[in-house]
Amino acid sequence: MKAVRIIDGKPSLEESRQPAGNGVRVRVATSSICGSDLHMINNGWAEGMVMGHEFAGYTDDGSAVTVEPNLGCGACWACDEGHRSHCEAGARYVGINIEGGMAEYVRVPEAAIFRLPSGLDVNSACLIEPLAVAAHGLNRARVTTQDKILVIGAGPIGLATAAILQGRGIAFDITARYPHQQAAAAKLGGDIAVSDGYDVVVDAVGTTDSIAEAIARCRPMGRVALVGSLWNPASLDIAFCARELELIAATTYRAGHKHGEFNEAAQVLLQSPHIADALITHRYPLEGAAEAFDTAADRASGAIKVMFEVAP
């Protein structure tokens, strides 16, 4: 089978054996590039791996599925409550510790399989994972319809947050750096006219500058939700303390649970297929891996979500 493996810090197409062993075999239909994939490659953490934790496809019985890529022991308090990323035995991730979906086939534990609701296009279902990340961030921040909300950053996770807010019927403002991001934000109901005094500011960037902007625009005793991961150290200043703000970290999602965020993400995508049109900007075959990763790394190129079309 064809697979994209990271060799010497670069994505390389290879021919390899189909995955063997226990678990469910998935024939991958679509797989998308996450910003974390780019950071992992740059930091040397992906060497030798087949990446891809945002993907969808078909099981051998023909069921359309996506995969909850964070795995746990299944027996601790964290796994019982769906917080597999906090598994006491140590979390593992498809596409990070386990070979992932940038390949024609992948094999995952049964507990990771999420069956798509009827009518949801498998070709856009790779978006369920980032949408679930956004839903989890909003849940962690205790967002309600009564809150005045700002999303900082209109990259993939910022726009995924916009999509979930739109799905919940919650008004929001959003900052967008590039014209193509502004256009996508408008499709998702965001208002680019940014002010101050927000009850909740969602930082979808994760830098010292974006956190400083979040603090400045948040009302005293408001909430700052950090959905953009900090890949480099960031700092706070006295303004954070003086304004008595709450800084809430969020990563991954509640998985394998009846209240898991994958459920909401799938329903939002099912009910609003325009989300895929707003987020997915580039499609490549696996053979175009090098160009796909270069495009994903260059936001000025017009890229938001770059995906591989692996199989029909």
Protein backbone atom coordinates (compact mmCIF):
# COMPACT_ATOMS: atom_id res chain seq x y z
CA MET A 1 0.00 0.00 0.00
CA LYS A 2 1.01 3.65 -0.35
CA ALA A 3 1.85 5.64 2.76
CA VAL A 4 3.47 8.98 3.60
CA ARG A 5 6.34 8.54 6.04
CA ILE A 6 8.51 11.28 7.54
CA ILE A 7 12.12 10.65 6.51
CA ASP A 8 14.89 13.15 7.32
CA GLY A 9 12.26 15.69 8.29
CA LYS A 10 10.34 15.46 5.02
CA PRO A 11 7.19 13.61 3.95
CA SER A 12 8.09 10.76 1.61
CA LEU A 13 5.78 8.45 -0.32
CA GLU A 14 6.58 4.78 0.17
CA GLU A 15 5.21 1.36 -0.64
CA SER A 16 4.69 -0.69 2.49
CA ARG A 17 2.78 -3.70 3.72
CA GLN A 18 -0.79 -3.31 4.88
CA PRO A 19 -1.03 -2.99 8.68
CA ALA A 20 -1.32 -6.34 10.42
CA GLY A 21 -2.33 -7.39 13.91
CA ASN A 22 -5.41 -6.85 16.01
CA GLY A 23 -7.94 -4.08 15.65
CA VAL A 24 -10.17 -2.78 12.90
CA ARG A 25 -8.78 -2.19 9.42
CA VAL A 26 -9.85 1.11 7.86
CA ARG A 27 -9.51 1.89 4.17
CA VAL A 28 -8.72 5.59 4.27
CA ALA A 29 -10.80 7.90 2.08
CA THR A 30 -9.55 11.30 3.25
CA SER A 31 -6.85 12.49 5.65
CA SER A 32 -5.99 16.09 6.52
CA ILE A 33 -2.88 17.86 7.78
CA CYS A 34 -3.04 19.35 11.28
CA GLY A 35 -0.91 22.25 12.46
CA SER A 36 0.46 19.94 15.14
CA ASP A 37 1.81 17.68 12.36
CA LEU A 38 3.90 20.59 11.10
CA HIS A 39 5.20 21.40 14.59
CA MET A 40 6.07 17.76 15.24
CA ILE A 41 8.06 17.53 12.01
CA ASN A 42 9.89 20.78 12.76
CA ASN A 43 10.77 19.55 16.26
CA GLY A 44 12.00 16.16 15.00
CA TRP A 45 9.25 14.26 16.84
CA ALA A 46 7.70 12.65 13.77
CA GLU A 47 10.78 11.04 12.30
CA GLY A 48 10.03 7.61 10.81
CA MET A 49 6.28 7.91 11.40
CA VAL A 50 3.25 7.65 9.16
CA MET A 51 1.32 10.65 10.45
CA GLY A 52 -2.37 11.47 10.22
CA HIS A 53 -4.81 11.71 13.11
CA GLU A 54 -7.57 13.48 11.15
CA PHE A 55 -8.98 10.93 8.73
CA ALA A 56 -12.06 9.01 7.68
CA GLY A 57 -12.78 5.95 5.58
CA TYR A 58 -14.44 2.56 5.50
CA THR A 59 -14.15 -0.59 7.57
CA ASP A 60 -14.07 -3.98 5.84
CA ASP A 61 -17.84 -4.32 6.29
CA GLY A 62 -18.37 -1.08 4.36
CA SER A 63 -19.23 1.15 7.33
CA ALA A 64 -18.25 4.79 6.97
CA VAL A 65 -16.15 5.79 9.98
CA THR A 66 -13.72 8.25 11.41
CA VAL A 67 -11.33 7.56 14.28
CA GLU A 68 -10.93 9.06 17.74
CA PRO A 69 -7.12 8.95 17.65
CA ASN A 70 -6.38 9.38 21.35
CA LEU A 71 -6.16 5.96 23.03
CA GLY A 72 -5.97 4.95 26.68
CA CYS A 73 -5.96 1.87 28.88
CA GLY A 74 -9.76 1.85 29.16
CA ALA A 75 -9.66 1.07 32.87
CA CYS A 76 -8.69 4.26 34.74
CA TRP A 77 -10.81 7.20 35.88
CA ALA A 78 -9.74 9.31 32.89
CA CYS A 79 -10.71 6.69 30.33
CA ASP A 80 -13.97 5.99 32.17
CA GLU A 81 -14.90 9.67 31.82
CA GLY A 82 -13.73 9.91 28.20
CA HIS A 83 -10.56 11.89 28.97
CA ARG A 84 -8.19 9.45 27.28
CA SER A 85 -5.49 12.09 26.87
CA HIS A 86 -5.09 11.96 30.66
CA CYS A 87 -4.95 8.15 30.87
CA GLU A 88 -3.07 7.07 34.00
CA ALA A 89 -1.19 4.44 31.98
CA GLY A 90 -0.15 7.04 29.42
CA ALA A 91 -2.07 8.21 26.40
CA ARG A 92 -1.19 7.03 22.89
CA TYR A 93 -2.25 8.65 19.64
CA VAL A 94 -2.92 7.31 16.18
CA GLY A 95 -0.70 9.27 13.82
CA ILE A 96 1.73 10.17 16.60
CA ASN A 97 2.70 7.04 18.56
CA ILE A 98 0.84 4.65 16.27
CA GLU A 99 0.99 4.80 12.48
CA GLY A 100 -1.82 6.95 11.19
CA GLY A 101 -4.12 7.82 8.36
CA MET A 102 -1.79 9.28 5.72
CA ALA A 103 -1.89 5.89 4.07
CA GLU A 104 -4.26 3.72 2.07
CA TYR A 105 -4.99 1.54 5.10
CA VAL A 106 -4.66 1.85 8.86
CA ARG A 107 -5.51 -0.50 11.71
CA VAL A 108 -6.89 0.89 14.99
CA PRO A 109 -8.47 -0.52 18.16
CA GLU A 110 -12.24 -1.05 18.06
CA ALA A 111 -12.61 1.52 20.85
CA ALA A 112 -11.24 4.20 18.49
CA ILE A 113 -13.86 3.64 15.78
CA PHE A 114 -16.54 6.32 15.44
CA ARG A 115 -19.29 5.41 12.99
CA LEU A 116 -20.51 8.33 10.91
CA PRO A 117 -24.16 9.35 11.09
CA SER A 118 -26.19 8.49 8.02
CA GLY A 119 -25.89 11.14 5.32
CA LEU A 120 -22.54 12.57 6.40
CA ASP A 121 -20.09 12.70 3.49
CA VAL A 122 -17.02 10.63 4.30
CA ASN A 123 -14.98 12.99 2.11
CA SER A 124 -15.41 15.80 4.64
CA ALA A 125 -15.45 13.65 7.78
CA CYS A 126 -11.72 14.19 8.39
CA LEU A 127 -12.90 17.54 9.80
CA ILE A 128 -14.68 15.87 12.71
CA GLU A 129 -11.49 15.61 14.76
CA PRO A 130 -10.54 19.33 14.66
CA LEU A 131 -14.20 20.28 15.16
CA ALA A 132 -14.22 18.08 18.27
CA VAL A 133 -11.12 19.90 19.54
CA ALA A 134 -12.98 23.19 19.12
CA ALA A 135 -16.11 21.88 20.84
CA HIS A 136 -14.02 20.70 23.78
CA GLY A 137 -12.38 24.11 24.11
CA LEU A 138 -15.76 25.83 24.21
CA ASN A 139 -17.04 23.32 26.74
CA ARG A 140 -13.98 23.84 28.92
CA ALA A 141 -14.60 27.61 28.76
CA ARG A 142 -18.25 27.12 29.79
CA VAL A 143 -19.48 29.17 26.84
CA THR A 144 -23.20 30.03 26.78
CA THR A 145 -25.52 31.93 24.48
CA GLN A 146 -25.35 34.86 26.91
CA ASP A 147 -21.59 35.37 26.49
CA LYS A 148 -19.97 37.99 24.31
CA ILE A 149 -17.29 35.98 22.49
CA LEU A 150 -14.15 36.72 20.51
CA VAL A 151 -12.09 34.14 18.62
CA ILE A 152 -8.49 35.22 18.01
CA GLY A 153 -7.09 33.62 14.87
CA ALA A 154 -8.83 32.29 11.76
CA GLY A 155 -6.55 29.38 11.01
CA PRO A 156 -7.95 25.82 11.03
CA ILE A 157 -8.68 25.62 14.76
CA GLY A 158 -10.04 29.16 14.96
CA LEU A 159 -12.40 28.49 12.07
CA ALA A 160 -13.36 25.13 13.57
CA THR A 161 -14.30 27.04 16.72
CA ALA A 162 -16.34 29.42 14.56
CA ALA A 163 -18.14 26.47 12.98
CA ILE A 164 -19.09 25.00 16.36
CA LEU A 165 -20.28 28.39 17.62
CA GLN A 166 -22.39 28.80 14.50
CA GLY A 167 -23.76 25.29 15.01
CA ARG A 168 -24.76 26.24 18.56
CA GLY A 169 -26.40 29.44 17.37
CA ILE A 170 -23.98 31.63 19.34
CA ALA A 171 -22.89 35.00 17.92
CA PHE A 172 -19.17 35.77 17.93
CA ASP A 173 -16.48 38.09 16.61
CA ILE A 174 -13.25 36.79 15.09
CA THR A 175 -9.86 38.18 14.06
CA ALA A 176 -8.59 37.06 10.64
CA ARG A 177 -5.19 37.98 9.24
CA TYR A 178 -5.62 37.10 5.58
CA PRO A 179 -8.42 37.86 3.11
CA HIS A 180 -9.11 34.16 2.49
CA GLN A 181 -9.47 33.65 6.25
CA GLN A 182 -11.84 36.60 6.47
CA ALA A 183 -13.97 35.12 3.69
CA ALA A 184 -14.11 31.75 5.44
CA ALA A 185 -14.98 33.39 8.76
CA ALA A 186 -17.84 35.25 7.11
CA LYS A 187 -19.23 31.96 5.73
CA LEU A 188 -19.24 30.66 9.30
CA GLY A 189 -21.09 33.65 10.70
CA GLY A 190 -18.21 35.53 12.26
CA ASP A 191 -18.13 39.30 12.59
CA ILE A 192 -14.70 40.78 11.84
CA ALA A 193 -15.57 44.04 13.69
CA VAL A 194 -13.62 43.44 16.89
CA SER A 195 -14.12 45.46 20.08
CA ASP A 196 -13.26 44.92 23.76
CA GLY A 197 -15.05 43.74 26.89
CA TYR A 198 -15.61 40.11 25.90
CA ASP A 199 -16.86 37.59 28.44
CA VAL A 200 -14.87 34.82 26.72
CA VAL A 201 -11.89 35.16 24.40
CA VAL A 202 -10.82 31.99 22.59
CA ASP A 203 -7.12 32.14 21.71
CA ALA A 204 -6.71 29.86 18.68
CA VAL A 205 -3.12 30.94 18.02
CA GLY A 206 -1.14 30.21 21.19
CA THR A 207 1.65 32.82 21.37
CA THR A 208 2.65 35.53 23.83
CA ASP A 209 1.21 38.15 21.46
CA SER A 210 -2.14 36.38 21.03
CA ILE A 211 -2.48 35.83 24.78
CA ALA A 212 -1.70 39.51 25.38
CA GLU A 213 -4.43 40.48 22.92
CA ALA A 214 -6.86 38.07 24.61
CA ILE A 215 -6.13 39.62 27.99
CA ALA A 216 -6.54 43.15 26.63
CA ARG A 217 -9.90 42.38 24.99
CA CYS A 218 -11.38 40.32 27.82
CA ARG A 219 -13.52 42.05 30.43
CA PRO A 220 -12.35 41.95 34.06
CA MET A 221 -13.01 38.52 35.62
CA GLY A 222 -13.62 37.08 32.16
CA ARG A 223 -12.34 33.82 30.67
CA VAL A 224 -9.54 33.19 28.19
CA ALA A 225 -9.71 29.77 26.54
CA LEU A 226 -6.38 28.60 25.17
CA VAL A 227 -7.31 26.31 22.27
CA GLY A 228 -4.19 27.07 20.25
CA SER A 229 -1.40 24.96 21.74
CA LEU A 230 1.74 26.61 23.11
CA TRP A 231 4.56 25.08 21.08
CA ASN A 232 6.96 27.66 22.50
CA PRO A 233 7.00 29.24 25.97
CA ALA A 234 4.69 32.21 26.41
CA SER A 235 4.50 34.82 29.14
CA LEU A 236 1.85 36.71 31.10
CA ASP A 237 2.13 40.14 32.66
CA ILE A 238 0.49 42.04 35.51
CA ALA A 239 -2.58 42.81 33.42
CA PHE A 240 -3.67 39.18 33.66
CA CYS A 241 -3.58 39.28 37.45
CA ALA A 242 -4.97 42.80 37.77
CA ARG A 243 -8.00 41.90 35.65
CA GLU A 244 -8.54 38.67 37.64
CA LEU A 245 -8.92 36.63 34.49
CA GLU A 246 -9.32 32.89 34.18
CA LEU A 247 -6.95 31.09 31.77
CA ILE A 248 -8.38 27.75 30.63
CA ALA A 249 -6.30 25.25 28.68
CA ALA A 250 -7.95 22.80 26.32
CA THR A 251 -6.54 20.06 24.15
CA THR A 252 -8.05 17.04 22.39
CA TYR A 253 -11.61 16.13 23.48
CA ARG A 254 -13.80 13.81 25.47
CA ALA A 255 -13.72 10.53 23.56
CA GLY A 256 -15.45 7.16 23.65
CA HIS A 257 -18.30 8.58 25.69
CA LYS A 258 -21.97 9.20 25.01
CA HIS A 259 -21.36 12.89 25.66
CA GLY A 260 -18.13 12.94 23.66
CA GLU A 261 -17.38 15.95 21.50
CA PHE A 262 -17.11 13.78 18.37
CA ASN A 263 -20.89 13.41 18.53
CA GLU A 264 -21.47 17.16 18.39
CA ALA A 265 -18.79 17.67 15.74
CA ALA A 266 -20.34 15.04 13.47
CA GLN A 267 -23.83 16.48 13.86
CA VAL A 268 -22.67 20.04 13.17
CA LEU A 269 -20.87 18.89 10.02
CA LEU A 270 -23.90 16.86 8.93
CA GLN A 271 -26.28 19.78 9.38
CA SER A 272 -23.93 22.38 7.87
CA PRO A 273 -22.04 20.94 4.88
CA HIS A 274 -20.87 24.47 4.01
CA ILE A 275 -18.30 24.05 6.82
CA ALA A 276 -16.28 21.79 4.54
CA ASP A 277 -16.42 24.38 1.76
CA ALA A 278 -15.15 27.05 4.15
CA LEU A 279 -12.33 25.02 5.71
CA ILE A 280 -11.00 22.70 2.99
CA THR A 281 -8.98 24.75 0.54
CA HIS A 282 -6.56 22.23 -1.01
CA ARG A 283 -6.82 18.56 -1.97
CA TYR A 284 -3.90 16.33 -2.98
CA PRO A 285 -3.25 12.67 -3.71
CA LEU A 286 -0.74 10.91 -1.48
CA GLU A 287 1.76 11.30 -4.31
CA GLY A 288 1.61 15.08 -3.74
CA ALA A 289 2.66 14.86 -0.08
CA ALA A 290 5.65 17.20 -0.32
CA GLU A 291 3.61 19.92 -2.01
CA ALA A 292 0.69 19.38 0.37
CA PHE A 293 2.85 19.91 3.46
CA ASP A 294 4.53 22.97 1.91
CA THR A 295 1.11 24.45 1.16
CA ALA A 296 -0.19 23.74 4.67
CA ALA A 297 2.82 25.49 6.17
CA ASP A 298 2.25 28.67 4.12
CA ARG A 299 -0.92 30.41 5.35
CA ALA A 300 -0.32 33.29 2.93
CA SER A 301 -0.83 30.80 0.08
CA GLY A 302 -4.55 30.72 0.81
CA ALA A 303 -4.42 27.44 2.69
CA ILE A 304 -6.72 26.69 5.59
CA LYS A 305 -7.23 22.94 5.65
CA VAL A 306 -5.10 20.80 3.34
CA MET A 307 -6.25 17.22 2.83
CA PHE A 308 -5.32 14.04 1.00
CA GLU A 309 -7.88 12.32 -1.15
CA VAL A 310 -6.71 8.76 -0.67
CA ALA A 311 -9.47 6.56 -2.07
CA PRO A 312 -13.06 6.96 -3.35
